[in-house]
Amino acid sequence: MKYTEISDGKILVDGESIEDIPLKSLRESVTMIDQDPTLIKATFKENLDLTNKYSDEELKEILKECNLWEVIE
């Protein structure tokens, strides 16, 4: 996700080096899932949608599709 510069080797996405992909495009297209769950100091919505791309209603529908809406409602 380009948090630090690569010092050795390459990271490829569909055969293209992430060094050649614009940062905004990379961060909008790739999701990183850490092995240790971490929440940022923000609302639940902000933790789910860091780029504020989805409306509340869209997030609700996504959560319903994943059977998670009742858990957080």
PDB file of N, CA and C in Angstrom:
ATOM      1  N   MET A   1       0.820  -1.187   0.000  1.00  0.00           N
ATOM      2  CA  MET A   1       0.000   0.000   0.000  1.00  0.00           C
ATOM      3  C   MET A   1       0.868   1.257   0.000  1.00  0.00           C
ATOM      4  N   LYS A   2       2.142   1.036  -0.202  1.00  0.00           N
ATOM      5  CA  LYS A   2       3.128   2.117  -0.302  1.00  0.00           C
ATOM      6  C   LYS A   2       3.273   2.912   0.997  1.00  0.00           C
ATOM      7  N   TYR A   3       3.210   2.215   2.135  1.00  0.00           N
ATOM      8  CA  TYR A   3       3.465   2.893   3.402  1.00  0.00           C
ATOM      9  C   TYR A   3       4.950   3.183   3.542  1.00  0.00           C
ATOM     10  N   THR A   4       5.774   2.299   2.979  1.00  0.00           N
ATOM     11  CA  THR A   4       7.218   2.511   2.932  1.00  0.00           C
ATOM     12  C   THR A   4       7.707   2.117   1.539  1.00  0.00           C
ATOM     13  N   GLU A   5       8.853   2.619   1.169  1.00  0.00           N
ATOM     14  CA  GLU A   5       9.423   2.276  -0.126  1.00  0.00           C
ATOM     15  C   GLU A   5       9.966   0.849  -0.082  1.00  0.00           C
ATOM     16  N   ILE A   6       9.857   0.151  -1.181  1.00  0.00           N
ATOM     17  CA  ILE A   6      10.371  -1.213  -1.278  1.00  0.00           C
ATOM     18  C   ILE A   6      11.891  -1.134  -1.430  1.00  0.00           C
ATOM     19  N   SER A   7      12.605  -1.857  -0.571  1.00  0.00           N
ATOM     20  CA  SER A   7      14.061  -1.797  -0.625  1.00  0.00           C
ATOM     21  C   SER A   7      14.658  -2.907  -1.487  1.00  0.00           C
ATOM     22  N   ASP A   8      13.917  -4.004  -1.654  1.00  0.00           N
ATOM     23  CA  ASP A   8      14.447  -5.119  -2.428  1.00  0.00           C
ATOM     24  C   ASP A   8      13.270  -5.917  -2.988  1.00  0.00           C
ATOM     25  N   GLY A   9      13.364  -6.333  -4.228  1.00  0.00           N
ATOM     26  CA  GLY A   9      12.319  -7.136  -4.851  1.00  0.00           C
ATOM     27  C   GLY A   9      11.184  -6.282  -5.392  1.00  0.00           C
ATOM     28  N   LYS A  10      10.088  -6.945  -5.741  1.00  0.00           N
ATOM     29  CA  LYS A  10       8.936  -6.262  -6.319  1.00  0.00           C
ATOM     30  C   LYS A  10       7.650  -6.856  -5.755  1.00  0.00           C
ATOM     31  N   ILE A  11       6.619  -6.055  -5.726  1.00  0.00           N
ATOM     32  CA  ILE A  11       5.269  -6.524  -5.423  1.00  0.00           C
ATOM     33  C   ILE A  11       4.470  -6.285  -6.690  1.00  0.00           C
ATOM     34  N   LEU A  12       3.914  -7.363  -7.243  1.00  0.00           N
ATOM     35  CA  LEU A  12       3.176  -7.270  -8.493  1.00  0.00           C
ATOM     36  C   LEU A  12       1.684  -7.478  -8.261  1.00  0.00           C
ATOM     37  N   VAL A  13       0.879  -6.702  -8.973  1.00  0.00           N
ATOM     38  CA  VAL A  13      -0.575  -6.872  -8.994  1.00  0.00           C
ATOM     39  C   VAL A  13      -0.946  -7.050 -10.456  1.00  0.00           C
ATOM     40  N   ASP A  14      -1.461  -8.221 -10.790  1.00  0.00           N
ATOM     41  CA  ASP A  14      -1.765  -8.550 -12.188  1.00  0.00           C
ATOM     42  C   ASP A  14      -0.567  -8.295 -13.096  1.00  0.00           C
ATOM     43  N   GLY A  15       0.629  -8.643 -12.608  1.00  0.00           N
ATOM     44  CA  GLY A  15       1.838  -8.510 -13.403  1.00  0.00           C
ATOM     45  C   GLY A  15       2.439  -7.122 -13.458  1.00  0.00           C
ATOM     46  N   GLU A  16       1.807  -6.151 -12.782  1.00  0.00           N
ATOM     47  CA  GLU A  16       2.307  -4.771 -12.797  1.00  0.00           C
ATOM     48  C   GLU A  16       2.866  -4.411 -11.424  1.00  0.00           C
ATOM     49  N   SER A  17       4.042  -3.824 -11.404  1.00  0.00           N
ATOM     50  CA  SER A  17       4.668  -3.419 -10.148  1.00  0.00           C
ATOM     51  C   SER A  17       3.835  -2.328  -9.472  1.00  0.00           C
ATOM     52  N   ILE A  18       3.655  -2.436  -8.148  1.00  0.00           N
ATOM     53  CA  ILE A  18       2.882  -1.402  -7.448  1.00  0.00           C
ATOM     54  C   ILE A  18       3.588  -0.057  -7.492  1.00  0.00           C
ATOM     55  N   GLU A  19       4.889  -0.057  -7.794  1.00  0.00           N
ATOM     56  CA  GLU A  19       5.621   1.200  -7.938  1.00  0.00           C
ATOM     57  C   GLU A  19       5.117   1.993  -9.146  1.00  0.00           C
ATOM     58  N   ASP A  20       4.514   1.296 -10.133  1.00  0.00           N
ATOM     59  CA  ASP A  20       4.025   1.941 -11.354  1.00  0.00           C
ATOM     60  C   ASP A  20       2.538   2.306 -11.280  1.00  0.00           C
ATOM     61  N   ILE A  21       1.871   1.940 -10.191  1.00  0.00           N
ATOM     62  CA  ILE A  21       0.438   2.210 -10.035  1.00  0.00           C
ATOM     63  C   ILE A  21       0.284   3.469  -9.184  1.00  0.00           C
ATOM     64  N   PRO A  22      -0.500   4.446  -9.647  1.00  0.00           N
ATOM     65  CA  PRO A  22      -0.702   5.655  -8.839  1.00  0.00           C
ATOM     66  C   PRO A  22      -1.253   5.297  -7.453  1.00  0.00           C
ATOM     67  N   LEU A  23      -0.751   5.963  -6.432  1.00  0.00           N
ATOM     68  CA  LEU A  23      -1.111   5.657  -5.050  1.00  0.00           C
ATOM     69  C   LEU A  23      -2.625   5.652  -4.826  1.00  0.00           C
ATOM     70  N   LYS A  24      -3.319   6.668  -5.312  1.00  0.00           N
ATOM     71  CA  LYS A  24      -4.770   6.759  -5.117  1.00  0.00           C
ATOM     72  C   LYS A  24      -5.471   5.541  -5.732  1.00  0.00           C
ATOM     73  N   SER A  25      -5.081   5.175  -6.923  1.00  0.00           N
ATOM     74  CA  SER A  25      -5.662   4.024  -7.609  1.00  0.00           C
ATOM     75  C   SER A  25      -5.379   2.730  -6.851  1.00  0.00           C
ATOM     76  N   LEU A  26      -4.163   2.579  -6.373  1.00  0.00           N
ATOM     77  CA  LEU A  26      -3.772   1.381  -5.624  1.00  0.00           C
ATOM     78  C   LEU A  26      -4.606   1.249  -4.356  1.00  0.00           C
ATOM     79  N   ARG A  27      -4.704   2.328  -3.602  1.00  0.00           N
ATOM     80  CA  ARG A  27      -5.433   2.278  -2.335  1.00  0.00           C
ATOM     81  C   ARG A  27      -6.939   2.122  -2.513  1.00  0.00           C
ATOM     82  N   GLU A  28      -7.478   2.556  -3.638  1.00  0.00           N
ATOM     83  CA  GLU A  28      -8.904   2.377  -3.907  1.00  0.00           C
ATOM     84  C   GLU A  28      -9.216   0.968  -4.409  1.00  0.00           C
ATOM     85  N   SER A  29      -8.215   0.297  -4.966  1.00  0.00           N
ATOM     86  CA  SER A  29      -8.447  -0.988  -5.619  1.00  0.00           C
ATOM     87  C   SER A  29      -8.053  -2.205  -4.789  1.00  0.00           C
ATOM     88  N   VAL A  30      -7.179  -2.011  -3.825  1.00  0.00           N
ATOM     89  CA  VAL A  30      -6.647  -3.135  -3.062  1.00  0.00           C
ATOM     90  C   VAL A  30      -6.982  -2.947  -1.591  1.00  0.00           C
ATOM     91  N   THR A  31      -7.418  -4.009  -0.969  1.00  0.00           N
ATOM     92  CA  THR A  31      -7.702  -3.971   0.460  1.00  0.00           C
ATOM     93  C   THR A  31      -6.682  -4.828   1.187  1.00  0.00           C
ATOM     94  N   MET A  32      -6.149  -4.297   2.241  1.00  0.00           N
ATOM     95  CA  MET A  32      -5.203  -5.037   3.056  1.00  0.00           C
ATOM     96  C   MET A  32      -5.933  -5.525   4.305  1.00  0.00           C
ATOM     97  N   ILE A  33      -5.852  -6.811   4.560  1.00  0.00           N
ATOM     98  CA  ILE A  33      -6.469  -7.377   5.755  1.00  0.00           C
ATOM     99  C   ILE A  33      -5.351  -7.888   6.644  1.00  0.00           C
ATOM    100  N   ASP A  34      -5.131  -7.193   7.731  1.00  0.00           N
ATOM    101  CA  ASP A  34      -4.073  -7.538   8.675  1.00  0.00           C
ATOM    102  C   ASP A  34      -4.458  -8.799   9.445  1.00  0.00           C
ATOM    103  N   GLN A  35      -3.475  -9.538   9.893  1.00  0.00           N
ATOM    104  CA  GLN A  35      -3.747 -10.737  10.673  1.00  0.00           C
ATOM    105  C   GLN A  35      -4.291 -10.383  12.053  1.00  0.00           C
ATOM    106  N   ASP A  36      -3.920  -9.226  12.563  1.00  0.00           N
ATOM    107  CA  ASP A  36      -4.432  -8.760  13.844  1.00  0.00           C
ATOM    108  C   ASP A  36      -5.435  -7.647  13.572  1.00  0.00           C
ATOM    109  N   PRO A  37      -6.717  -7.860  13.915  1.00  0.00           N
ATOM    110  CA  PRO A  37      -7.706  -6.822  13.631  1.00  0.00           C
ATOM    111  C   PRO A  37      -7.400  -5.535  14.381  1.00  0.00           C
ATOM    112  N   THR A  38      -7.510  -4.426  13.674  1.00  0.00           N
ATOM    113  CA  THR A  38      -7.229  -3.114  14.247  1.00  0.00           C
ATOM    114  C   THR A  38      -8.305  -2.139  13.816  1.00  0.00           C
ATOM    115  N   LEU A  39      -8.804  -1.364  14.752  1.00  0.00           N
ATOM    116  CA  LEU A  39      -9.755  -0.309  14.428  1.00  0.00           C
ATOM    117  C   LEU A  39      -9.064   1.026  14.610  1.00  0.00           C
ATOM    118  N   ILE A  40      -9.336   1.947  13.686  1.00  0.00           N
ATOM    119  CA  ILE A  40      -8.810   3.287  13.870  1.00  0.00           C
ATOM    120  C   ILE A  40      -9.726   4.032  14.835  1.00  0.00           C
ATOM    121  N   LYS A  41      -9.233   5.093  15.403  1.00  0.00           N
ATOM    122  CA  LYS A  41     -10.024   5.883  16.349  1.00  0.00           C
ATOM    123  C   LYS A  41     -11.008   6.721  15.538  1.00  0.00           C
ATOM    124  N   ALA A  42     -12.149   6.109  15.219  1.00  0.00           N
ATOM    125  CA  ALA A  42     -13.146   6.752  14.363  1.00  0.00           C
ATOM    126  C   ALA A  42     -14.473   6.025  14.537  1.00  0.00           C
ATOM    127  N   THR A  43     -15.456   6.435  13.766  1.00  0.00           N
ATOM    128  CA  THR A  43     -16.755   5.773  13.832  1.00  0.00           C
ATOM    129  C   THR A  43     -16.674   4.392  13.183  1.00  0.00           C
ATOM    130  N   PHE A  44     -17.679   3.587  13.447  1.00  0.00           N
ATOM    131  CA  PHE A  44     -17.742   2.261  12.835  1.00  0.00           C
ATOM    132  C   PHE A  44     -17.767   2.394  11.314  1.00  0.00           C
ATOM    133  N   LYS A  45     -18.547   3.354  10.822  1.00  0.00           N
ATOM    134  CA  LYS A  45     -18.640   3.586   9.376  1.00  0.00           C
ATOM    135  C   LYS A  45     -17.272   3.943   8.796  1.00  0.00           C
ATOM    136  N   GLU A  46     -16.535   4.807   9.456  1.00  0.00           N
ATOM    137  CA  GLU A  46     -15.214   5.208   8.961  1.00  0.00           C
ATOM    138  C   GLU A  46     -14.242   4.032   8.944  1.00  0.00           C
ATOM    139  N   ASN A  47     -14.386   3.108   9.886  1.00  0.00           N
ATOM    140  CA  ASN A  47     -13.546   1.919   9.893  1.00  0.00           C
ATOM    141  C   ASN A  47     -13.890   0.990   8.730  1.00  0.00           C
ATOM    142  N   LEU A  48     -15.147   0.945   8.346  1.00  0.00           N
ATOM    143  CA  LEU A  48     -15.561   0.099   7.229  1.00  0.00           C
ATOM    144  C   LEU A  48     -15.246   0.726   5.875  1.00  0.00           C
ATOM    145  N   ASP A  49     -15.314   2.037   5.801  1.00  0.00           N
ATOM    146  CA  ASP A  49     -15.193   2.745   4.532  1.00  0.00           C
ATOM    147  C   ASP A  49     -14.226   3.919   4.702  1.00  0.00           C
ATOM    148  N   LEU A  50     -12.936   3.616   4.686  1.00  0.00           N
ATOM    149  CA  LEU A  50     -11.909   4.628   4.962  1.00  0.00           C
ATOM    150  C   LEU A  50     -11.884   5.767   3.958  1.00  0.00           C
ATOM    151  N   THR A  51     -12.362   5.522   2.741  1.00  0.00           N
ATOM    152  CA  THR A  51     -12.324   6.561   1.713  1.00  0.00           C
ATOM    153  C   THR A  51     -13.666   7.261   1.536  1.00  0.00           C
ATOM    154  N   ASN A  52     -14.635   6.914   2.372  1.00  0.00           N
ATOM    155  CA  ASN A  52     -15.969   7.520   2.325  1.00  0.00           C
ATOM    156  C   ASN A  52     -16.601   7.384   0.937  1.00  0.00           C
ATOM    157  N   LYS A  53     -16.445   6.209   0.364  1.00  0.00           N
ATOM    158  CA  LYS A  53     -16.919   5.932  -0.989  1.00  0.00           C
ATOM    159  C   LYS A  53     -18.396   5.531  -1.015  1.00  0.00           C
ATOM    160  N   TYR A  54     -18.896   4.942   0.087  1.00  0.00           N
ATOM    161  CA  TYR A  54     -20.242   4.378   0.097  1.00  0.00           C
ATOM    162  C   TYR A  54     -21.171   5.166   1.022  1.00  0.00           C
ATOM    163  N   SER A  55     -22.431   5.225   0.634  1.00  0.00           N
ATOM    164  CA  SER A  55     -23.435   5.874   1.480  1.00  0.00           C
ATOM    165  C   SER A  55     -23.785   4.943   2.641  1.00  0.00           C
ATOM    166  N   ASP A  56     -24.454   5.495   3.639  1.00  0.00           N
ATOM    167  CA  ASP A  56     -24.898   4.679   4.775  1.00  0.00           C
ATOM    168  C   ASP A  56     -25.773   3.525   4.298  1.00  0.00           C
ATOM    169  N   GLU A  57     -26.658   3.811   3.358  1.00  0.00           N
ATOM    170  CA  GLU A  57     -27.575   2.783   2.844  1.00  0.00           C
ATOM    171  C   GLU A  57     -26.821   1.688   2.098  1.00  0.00           C
ATOM    172  N   GLU A  58     -25.802   2.066   1.320  1.00  0.00           N
ATOM    173  CA  GLU A  58     -25.003   1.061   0.609  1.00  0.00           C
ATOM    174  C   GLU A  58     -24.251   0.167   1.592  1.00  0.00           C
ATOM    175  N   LEU A  59     -23.681   0.762   2.627  1.00  0.00           N
ATOM    176  CA  LEU A  59     -22.981  -0.041   3.639  1.00  0.00           C
ATOM    177  C   LEU A  59     -23.945  -0.976   4.356  1.00  0.00           C
ATOM    178  N   LYS A  60     -25.129  -0.484   4.648  1.00  0.00           N
ATOM    179  CA  LYS A  60     -26.143  -1.315   5.304  1.00  0.00           C
ATOM    180  C   LYS A  60     -26.476  -2.532   4.436  1.00  0.00           C
ATOM    181  N   GLU A  61     -26.662  -2.329   3.152  1.00  0.00           N
ATOM    182  CA  GLU A  61     -26.974  -3.430   2.245  1.00  0.00           C
ATOM    183  C   GLU A  61     -25.820  -4.429   2.159  1.00  0.00           C
ATOM    184  N   ILE A  62     -24.601  -3.919   2.112  1.00  0.00           N
ATOM    185  CA  ILE A  62     -23.420  -4.790   2.078  1.00  0.00           C
ATOM    186  C   ILE A  62     -23.357  -5.632   3.347  1.00  0.00           C
ATOM    187  N   LEU A  63     -23.575  -5.003   4.493  1.00  0.00           N
ATOM    188  CA  LEU A  63     -23.553  -5.728   5.768  1.00  0.00           C
ATOM    189  C   LEU A  63     -24.664  -6.765   5.842  1.00  0.00           C
ATOM    190  N   LYS A  64     -25.824  -6.450   5.290  1.00  0.00           N
ATOM    191  CA  LYS A  64     -26.922  -7.426   5.254  1.00  0.00           C
ATOM    192  C   LYS A  64     -26.542  -8.630   4.396  1.00  0.00           C
ATOM    193  N   GLU A  65     -25.897  -8.383   3.238  1.00  0.00           N
ATOM    194  CA  GLU A  65     -25.475  -9.465   2.366  1.00  0.00           C
ATOM    195  C   GLU A  65     -24.469 -10.383   3.054  1.00  0.00           C
ATOM    196  N   CYS A  66     -23.685  -9.823   3.964  1.00  0.00           N
ATOM    197  CA  CYS A  66     -22.670 -10.593   4.702  1.00  0.00           C
ATOM    198  C   CYS A  66     -23.217 -11.155   6.009  1.00  0.00           C
ATOM    199  N   ASN A  67     -24.519 -10.962   6.243  1.00  0.00           N
ATOM    200  CA  ASN A  67     -25.166 -11.388   7.497  1.00  0.00           C
ATOM    201  C   ASN A  67     -24.518 -10.761   8.727  1.00  0.00           C
ATOM    202  N   LEU A  68     -24.121  -9.490   8.598  1.00  0.00           N
ATOM    203  CA  LEU A  68     -23.492  -8.790   9.719  1.00  0.00           C
ATOM    204  C   LEU A  68     -24.334  -7.628  10.243  1.00  0.00           C
ATOM    205  N   TRP A  69     -25.384  -7.257   9.521  1.00  0.00           N
ATOM    206  CA  TRP A  69     -26.161  -6.093   9.909  1.00  0.00           C
ATOM    207  C   TRP A  69     -26.745  -6.248  11.310  1.00  0.00           C
ATOM    208  N   GLU A  70     -27.303  -7.403  11.620  1.00  0.00           N
ATOM    209  CA  GLU A  70     -27.912  -7.622  12.943  1.00  0.00           C
ATOM    210  C   GLU A  70     -26.879  -7.561  14.069  1.00  0.00           C
ATOM    211  N   VAL A  71     -25.646  -7.891  13.748  1.00  0.00           N
ATOM    212  CA  VAL A  71     -24.583  -7.870  14.756  1.00  0.00           C
ATOM    213  C   VAL A  71     -24.252  -6.439  15.193  1.00  0.00           C
ATOM    214  N   ILE A  72     -24.278  -5.500  14.258  1.00  0.00           N
ATOM    215  CA  ILE A  72     -23.866  -4.134  14.580  1.00  0.00           C
ATOM    216  C   ILE A  72     -25.027  -3.154  14.731  1.00  0.00           C
ATOM    217  N   GLU A  73     -26.232  -3.594  14.374  1.00  0.00           N
ATOM    218  CA  GLU A  73     -27.389  -2.702  14.413  1.00  0.00           C
ATOM    219  C   GLU A  73     -27.601  -2.080  15.770  1.00  0.00           C
TER     220      GLU A  73
END
